Amino acid sequence: MKQFTARLAWRRGKQPFLDQRYSRAHTWDFDGGATVPASSSPLSVPLPMSDAAAVDPEEALVASVSSCHMLFFLSLAAQHGYIVDAYDDPAIGEMDVDADGKTAMTLIRLRPALAFSGANLPDAAAIAALHHAAHERCYIANSLKTVIVIEEHA
């Protein structure tokens, strides 16, 4: 078994609390030393209680899926002898009401734009196969019931 940790820290300070007008800004601390400013999304909790400049959990979920998929895609591409020069994914997550009537991230759309170089260039079928294999191996995607779609993005 592998364990992964993150530390969340939030402090009320001198702000009121019971009126629900407290700041949702907090930090995420990771074992490698990175600290990320985090907050609720202004789409969920209005400003100024949210920090629009911070990462919200919904964005982090979309980024986690995109990152996991990319890391497996790059590894698989290298195994097949394809040189990837760039991978850019303007991923989108859609929150809606799911089949159980609960608000959930119901769709994550990965839209990677790729650049390859070298003599061994993959065709569209090879790229699709790499994306399929990367999706099958991505343990973040395997942990979610959210629909994840991979589209080519130019």
Protein backbone atom coordinates (compact mmCIF):
# COMPACT_ATOMS: atom_id res chain seq x y z
CA MET A 1 0.00 0.00 0.00
CA LYS A 2 1.16 3.52 -0.79
CA GLN A 3 0.09 6.54 1.21
CA PHE A 4 -0.11 10.13 0.03
CA THR A 5 -0.55 13.07 2.34
CA ALA A 6 -1.60 16.68 2.15
CA ARG A 7 -2.10 19.07 5.04
CA LEU A 8 -4.91 21.59 4.97
CA ALA A 9 -4.71 24.61 7.29
CA TRP A 10 -7.46 27.20 7.91
CA ARG A 11 -7.77 29.75 10.71
CA ARG A 12 -10.79 31.91 11.50
CA GLY A 13 -8.80 34.79 12.95
CA LYS A 14 -10.97 37.67 14.19
CA GLN A 15 -13.77 37.27 11.65
CA PRO A 16 -17.30 36.34 12.71
CA PHE A 17 -18.27 32.77 11.98
CA LEU A 18 -21.92 32.04 12.67
CA ASP A 19 -23.10 34.52 10.01
CA GLN A 20 -21.40 32.39 7.28
CA ARG A 21 -19.37 35.43 6.12
CA TYR A 22 -15.96 34.06 7.04
CA SER A 23 -13.10 33.60 4.60
CA ARG A 24 -12.82 30.21 2.97
CA ALA A 25 -9.16 30.86 2.08
CA HIS A 26 -6.78 28.20 3.39
CA THR A 27 -3.56 26.46 2.36
CA TRP A 28 -2.61 23.02 1.13
CA ASP A 29 0.85 21.85 2.20
CA PHE A 30 2.43 18.91 0.40
CA ASP A 31 5.24 16.59 1.49
CA GLY A 32 7.67 17.97 -1.11
CA GLY A 33 7.45 21.42 0.48
CA ALA A 34 4.95 23.09 -1.88
CA THR A 35 2.29 25.27 -0.31
CA VAL A 36 -0.72 26.11 -2.46
CA PRO A 37 -3.22 28.84 -1.63
CA ALA A 38 -6.68 27.28 -1.73
CA SER A 39 -10.23 28.47 -1.31
CA SER A 40 -13.81 27.69 -2.18
CA SER A 41 -14.71 28.65 -5.73
CA PRO A 42 -16.39 32.03 -6.16
CA LEU A 43 -18.95 30.02 -8.17
CA SER A 44 -19.83 28.18 -4.94
CA VAL A 45 -19.26 30.81 -2.25
CA PRO A 46 -19.41 34.45 -3.37
CA LEU A 47 -16.61 36.98 -3.02
CA PRO A 48 -15.21 38.18 -0.66
CA MET A 49 -15.60 34.93 1.31
CA SER A 50 -13.77 33.08 -1.49
CA ASP A 51 -10.34 33.94 -2.85
CA ALA A 52 -10.58 33.97 -6.66
CA ALA A 53 -6.77 33.85 -6.98
CA ALA A 54 -6.51 30.58 -5.03
CA VAL A 55 -7.01 27.04 -6.31
CA ASP A 56 -10.41 25.63 -5.49
CA PRO A 57 -11.15 21.91 -4.93
CA GLU A 58 -13.06 21.65 -8.20
CA GLU A 59 -10.12 23.02 -10.21
CA ALA A 60 -7.75 20.76 -8.30
CA LEU A 61 -9.85 17.71 -9.20
CA VAL A 62 -9.82 18.61 -12.91
CA ALA A 63 -6.07 19.31 -12.77
CA SER A 64 -5.43 15.99 -10.97
CA VAL A 65 -7.24 14.01 -13.66
CA SER A 66 -5.47 15.92 -16.44
CA SER A 67 -2.06 15.53 -14.82
CA CYS A 68 -2.48 11.81 -14.13
CA HIS A 69 -3.61 11.19 -17.71
CA MET A 70 -0.70 13.21 -19.13
CA LEU A 71 1.91 11.41 -17.02
CA PHE A 72 0.73 8.01 -18.23
CA PHE A 73 0.40 9.27 -21.83
CA LEU A 74 4.01 10.55 -21.84
CA SER A 75 5.35 7.31 -20.42
CA LEU A 76 3.42 5.20 -22.94
CA ALA A 77 4.48 7.44 -25.83
CA ALA A 78 8.13 7.02 -24.83
CA GLN A 79 7.68 3.24 -24.60
CA HIS A 80 6.37 3.29 -28.20
CA GLY A 81 9.28 5.41 -29.44
CA TYR A 82 7.31 8.65 -29.92
CA ILE A 83 9.02 11.88 -28.88
CA VAL A 84 6.53 14.28 -27.30
CA ASP A 85 7.72 17.90 -27.39
CA ALA A 86 4.65 19.55 -25.87
CA TYR A 87 1.43 18.56 -24.15
CA ASP A 88 -1.08 21.30 -23.39
CA ASP A 89 -4.46 20.44 -21.92
CA PRO A 90 -7.07 23.16 -21.31
CA ALA A 91 -9.21 20.67 -19.35
CA ILE A 92 -12.76 21.50 -18.31
CA GLY A 93 -14.84 20.09 -15.47
CA GLU A 94 -18.62 20.37 -15.42
CA MET A 95 -20.53 20.34 -12.17
CA ASP A 96 -24.19 19.39 -12.30
CA VAL A 97 -26.72 17.23 -10.49
CA ASP A 98 -25.92 13.53 -10.87
CA ALA A 99 -28.30 10.57 -11.24
CA ASP A 100 -28.64 10.39 -7.43
CA GLY A 101 -29.75 14.04 -7.26
CA LYS A 102 -26.46 15.18 -5.72
CA THR A 103 -24.29 18.03 -6.93
CA ALA A 104 -21.19 16.42 -8.40
CA MET A 105 -18.47 16.83 -10.98
CA THR A 106 -20.39 14.97 -13.69
CA LEU A 107 -17.98 15.40 -16.61
CA ILE A 108 -14.30 16.10 -17.03
CA ARG A 109 -13.25 16.92 -20.57
CA LEU A 110 -9.53 16.51 -21.31
CA ARG A 111 -8.53 18.36 -24.48
CA PRO A 112 -4.81 17.75 -24.99
CA ALA A 113 -2.96 19.44 -27.84
CA LEU A 114 0.22 17.51 -28.66
CA ALA A 115 3.43 18.21 -30.51
CA PHE A 116 5.73 15.38 -31.60
CA SER A 117 9.12 15.32 -33.29
CA GLY A 118 11.53 12.75 -34.66
CA ALA A 119 11.28 10.15 -37.38
CA ASN A 120 8.64 8.02 -35.61
CA LEU A 121 5.47 10.13 -35.63
CA PRO A 122 2.20 8.60 -34.40
CA ASP A 123 -0.88 8.71 -36.59
CA ALA A 124 -4.35 9.54 -35.24
CA ALA A 125 -5.09 5.89 -34.43
CA ALA A 126 -1.85 5.52 -32.45
CA ILE A 127 -2.56 8.72 -30.50
CA ALA A 128 -6.09 7.50 -29.72
CA ALA A 129 -4.69 4.17 -28.53
CA LEU A 130 -2.19 5.96 -26.29
CA HIS A 131 -4.98 8.09 -24.80
CA HIS A 132 -7.13 4.99 -24.22
CA ALA A 133 -4.26 3.16 -22.51
CA ALA A 134 -3.37 6.22 -20.42
CA HIS A 135 -6.99 6.57 -19.31
CA GLU A 136 -7.16 2.89 -18.35
CA ARG A 137 -4.01 3.26 -16.21
CA CYS A 138 -4.85 6.61 -14.58
CA TYR A 139 -5.63 5.74 -10.98
CA ILE A 140 -7.21 9.15 -10.38
CA ALA A 141 -9.73 8.48 -13.18
CA ASN A 142 -10.18 4.94 -11.87
CA SER A 143 -11.12 6.41 -8.48
CA LEU A 144 -13.96 8.57 -9.80
CA LYS A 145 -17.45 7.87 -11.05
CA THR A 146 -17.28 11.04 -13.17
CA VAL A 147 -17.41 10.64 -16.93
CA ILE A 148 -14.02 11.55 -18.40
CA VAL A 149 -13.82 12.35 -22.11
CA ILE A 150 -10.58 12.82 -24.06
CA GLU A 151 -10.75 15.07 -27.12
CA GLU A 152 -7.99 16.24 -29.43
CA HIS A 153 -7.48 19.97 -29.05
CA ALA A 154 -5.64 22.06 -31.59
